[in-house]
Amino acid sequence: GGQPSVDNGTTVRSVGLHTVGAVTQVAGSEKLWRVERERYRVAFSGQIDESNPVQLHSIEVPVGQTLRFRLSTGSSSQAKGLWVFRDDGALGDADLIKKWSSYAEPFDNEQVLAEGRYILAVSGASTSTADVLLGSSNFAYQINGGYSLQVEQLPAWTPSTASNGGYGLQGMLVDLDASEDAGQLYTVV
């Protein structure tokens, strides 16, 4: 569906909300502007060893979106494990959304998460989910060192490149009624 922009005009469709991160004028042009949207990003680092075999990190996802999880230890000889749990205040087996394990360096995975709070756990890849929940593992040696974890929103929107060279407002969402925060959003075409 959509809303006509004017009588017999172009039909536009609301596709979501993106916060504008930057607006910059294109060099050499008075009429072209590059509009970039802000993306959700968080980063963590930690140490896995026998005294800290499981590390937990908390995130809050502001809106439902596809996220990329990138875990790096600096070595492809280390078996890395990453767990994503719903944070409902009482962490348990039923809160597990996803578990990944890999030797890849770094390893990237994607997951759609709804708005809400989540707990991320990092440990050796062979660690069981039950042991992660207890904060213990006999597999800390699989990482045995520092790691970094980045979580970022995948780019779901890019400016149109067909008619404006990748610049301008095509593809952006606008609220035509700024008198209320929950107004209908329209895509600039």
Protein backbone atom coordinates (compact mmCIF):
# COMPACT_ATOMS: atom_id res chain seq x y z
CA GLY A 1 0.00 0.00 0.00
CA GLY A 2 0.94 3.62 0.01
CA GLN A 3 -0.23 7.18 0.14
CA PRO A 4 -0.54 9.41 -2.92
CA SER A 5 1.82 12.36 -2.52
CA VAL A 6 -0.46 14.61 -4.59
CA ASP A 7 -3.53 14.01 -6.72
CA ASN A 8 -2.50 11.48 -9.41
CA GLY A 9 1.04 11.71 -8.05
CA THR A 10 3.65 9.16 -7.15
CA THR A 11 2.62 6.57 -4.58
CA VAL A 12 5.12 6.23 -1.75
CA ARG A 13 5.37 3.55 0.91
CA SER A 14 6.43 3.85 4.55
CA VAL A 15 9.38 1.48 5.12
CA GLY A 16 10.79 2.37 8.55
CA LEU A 17 12.64 5.02 10.49
CA HIS A 18 16.33 5.89 10.27
CA THR A 19 18.09 8.60 12.25
CA VAL A 20 20.17 10.94 10.11
CA GLY A 21 23.81 10.69 11.14
CA ALA A 22 25.32 13.35 8.86
CA VAL A 23 24.38 15.73 6.06
CA THR A 24 27.29 17.07 4.00
CA GLN A 25 27.39 19.09 0.80
CA VAL A 26 28.95 17.32 -2.18
CA ALA A 27 32.14 19.09 -3.21
CA GLY A 28 31.70 21.26 -6.28
CA SER A 29 27.91 21.28 -6.13
CA GLU A 30 25.42 23.71 -4.69
CA LYS A 31 22.46 21.34 -5.07
CA LEU A 32 23.78 17.88 -4.12
CA TRP A 33 23.98 16.74 -0.52
CA ARG A 34 25.08 13.40 0.92
CA VAL A 35 22.75 12.19 3.68
CA GLU A 36 24.02 9.32 5.82
CA ARG A 37 21.95 7.53 8.39
CA GLU A 38 23.11 6.73 11.87
CA ARG A 39 23.63 3.04 12.58
CA TYR A 40 23.46 1.07 15.82
CA ARG A 41 26.98 0.03 16.95
CA VAL A 42 28.49 -1.27 20.19
CA ALA A 43 31.91 -2.74 20.92
CA PHE A 44 33.36 -4.76 23.78
CA SER A 45 36.70 -6.29 24.65
CA GLY A 46 37.70 -8.76 27.31
CA GLN A 47 39.97 -11.54 28.44
CA ILE A 48 39.18 -15.26 28.52
CA ASP A 49 41.37 -17.45 30.75
CA GLU A 50 40.97 -20.02 33.53
CA SER A 51 39.99 -17.38 36.09
CA ASN A 52 37.53 -15.70 33.62
CA PRO A 53 36.27 -18.53 31.39
CA VAL A 54 33.03 -16.79 30.35
CA GLN A 55 32.53 -13.09 29.70
CA LEU A 56 29.04 -11.53 29.57
CA HIS A 57 28.07 -8.28 27.84
CA SER A 58 24.71 -6.52 27.85
CA ILE A 59 23.19 -4.69 24.88
CA GLU A 60 19.94 -2.84 24.35
CA VAL A 61 18.58 -2.91 20.81
CA PRO A 62 16.52 0.27 20.22
CA VAL A 63 14.43 -1.09 17.30
CA GLY A 64 14.10 -4.48 15.64
CA GLN A 65 16.89 -4.92 13.10
CA THR A 66 19.44 -7.29 11.57
CA LEU A 67 22.73 -7.12 13.46
CA ARG A 68 26.20 -8.32 12.54
CA PHE A 69 28.21 -9.90 15.35
CA ARG A 70 31.99 -9.89 14.80
CA LEU A 71 34.20 -11.77 17.28
CA SER A 72 37.98 -11.55 16.96
CA THR A 73 40.84 -12.99 19.00
CA GLY A 74 43.64 -12.28 16.54
CA SER A 75 44.19 -15.96 15.76
CA SER A 76 42.46 -18.50 13.53
CA SER A 77 43.81 -21.30 15.74
CA GLN A 78 41.40 -20.38 18.54
CA ALA A 79 37.92 -21.91 18.78
CA LYS A 80 35.60 -19.03 19.64
CA GLY A 81 32.04 -19.28 20.95
CA LEU A 82 29.38 -16.57 21.05
CA TRP A 83 25.92 -16.89 22.61
CA VAL A 84 22.99 -14.46 22.33
CA PHE A 85 20.37 -14.56 25.11
CA ARG A 86 17.18 -12.58 25.69
CA ASP A 87 17.62 -10.56 28.91
CA ASP A 88 14.39 -11.02 30.83
CA GLY A 89 16.05 -10.62 34.23
CA ALA A 90 16.29 -14.36 34.93
CA LEU A 91 18.82 -15.85 32.51
CA GLY A 92 18.04 -19.46 31.61
CA ASP A 93 18.12 -22.05 28.81
CA ALA A 94 14.84 -20.74 27.37
CA ASP A 95 16.48 -17.31 26.79
CA LEU A 96 19.02 -18.67 24.28
CA ILE A 97 18.43 -17.19 20.83
CA LYS A 98 21.59 -18.25 19.01
CA LYS A 99 24.97 -19.90 19.57
CA TRP A 100 27.84 -19.70 17.10
CA SER A 101 31.27 -21.29 17.21
CA SER A 102 34.12 -20.97 14.75
CA TYR A 103 37.84 -20.91 14.15
CA ALA A 104 37.41 -18.15 11.53
CA GLU A 105 39.29 -14.94 12.30
CA PRO A 106 37.38 -12.81 12.75
CA PHE A 107 34.08 -14.58 12.53
CA ASP A 108 30.97 -12.71 11.45
CA ASN A 109 27.38 -13.79 11.97
CA GLU A 110 24.04 -12.10 11.46
CA GLN A 111 20.89 -12.28 13.54
CA VAL A 112 17.59 -10.42 13.50
CA LEU A 113 16.79 -9.12 16.99
CA ALA A 114 13.61 -7.41 18.15
CA GLU A 115 13.72 -4.27 20.25
CA GLY A 116 14.86 -5.19 23.76
CA ARG A 117 17.71 -6.16 26.07
CA TYR A 118 20.12 -9.01 25.38
CA ILE A 119 23.08 -10.73 27.00
CA LEU A 120 26.06 -11.77 24.85
CA ALA A 121 28.41 -14.44 26.17
CA VAL A 122 31.94 -15.18 24.93
CA SER A 123 33.86 -18.36 25.79
CA GLY A 124 35.66 -21.30 24.21
CA ALA A 125 33.61 -22.88 21.42
CA SER A 126 33.19 -26.26 23.16
CA THR A 127 31.60 -24.69 26.27
CA SER A 128 28.05 -25.89 26.83
CA THR A 129 25.20 -23.43 27.17
CA ALA A 130 24.59 -24.78 30.69
CA ASP A 131 28.17 -23.91 31.65
CA VAL A 132 27.87 -20.45 30.08
CA LEU A 133 24.80 -19.85 32.27
CA LEU A 134 26.85 -20.92 35.32
CA GLY A 135 29.79 -18.74 34.25
CA SER A 136 32.16 -21.67 34.12
CA SER A 137 34.00 -23.54 31.40
CA ASN A 138 36.73 -26.13 31.03
CA PHE A 139 37.38 -24.76 27.55
CA ALA A 140 38.82 -21.30 28.30
CA TYR A 141 42.09 -22.58 26.77
CA GLN A 142 40.36 -22.50 23.36
CA ILE A 143 40.66 -18.70 23.44
CA ASN A 144 43.05 -18.06 26.35
CA GLY A 145 43.62 -14.38 25.75
CA GLY A 146 42.02 -11.15 24.66
CA TYR A 147 39.12 -10.72 22.30
CA SER A 148 37.06 -7.97 20.74
CA LEU A 149 33.37 -8.12 19.93
CA GLN A 150 31.56 -5.64 17.69
CA VAL A 151 27.83 -5.56 17.12
CA GLU A 152 26.47 -3.32 14.39
CA GLN A 153 23.35 -2.81 12.38
CA LEU A 154 23.58 -4.07 8.83
CA PRO A 155 23.04 -1.43 6.19
CA ALA A 156 19.43 -1.95 5.18
CA TRP A 157 19.17 1.30 3.27
CA THR A 158 21.46 2.98 0.77
CA PRO A 159 20.75 6.12 -1.23
CA SER A 160 19.56 5.68 -4.79
CA THR A 161 22.36 5.61 -7.34
CA ALA A 162 20.28 5.51 -10.50
CA SER A 163 19.35 9.15 -10.93
CA ASN A 164 21.44 11.09 -8.46
CA GLY A 165 24.86 9.39 -8.35
CA GLY A 166 24.32 8.16 -4.80
CA TYR A 167 23.72 11.63 -3.40
CA GLY A 168 20.66 13.47 -2.24
CA LEU A 169 17.54 12.35 -0.47
CA GLN A 170 16.22 9.53 -2.65
CA GLY A 171 15.51 6.55 -0.44
CA MET A 172 15.31 8.63 2.75
CA LEU A 173 12.21 8.66 4.91
CA VAL A 174 10.38 11.86 5.72
CA ASP A 175 7.59 12.72 8.12
CA LEU A 176 5.27 15.15 6.34
CA ASP A 177 3.53 16.07 9.59
CA ALA A 178 6.18 17.30 12.03
CA SER A 179 3.49 18.30 14.57
CA GLU A 180 3.56 14.77 16.04
CA ASP A 181 6.35 12.28 16.69
CA ALA A 182 4.39 9.26 15.48
CA GLY A 183 3.54 10.68 12.05
CA GLN A 184 3.41 8.58 8.89
CA LEU A 185 6.80 8.17 7.16
CA TYR A 186 7.23 8.43 3.38
CA THR A 187 10.15 7.41 1.16
CA VAL A 188 11.60 10.11 -1.07
CA VAL A 189 11.56 8.74 -4.63
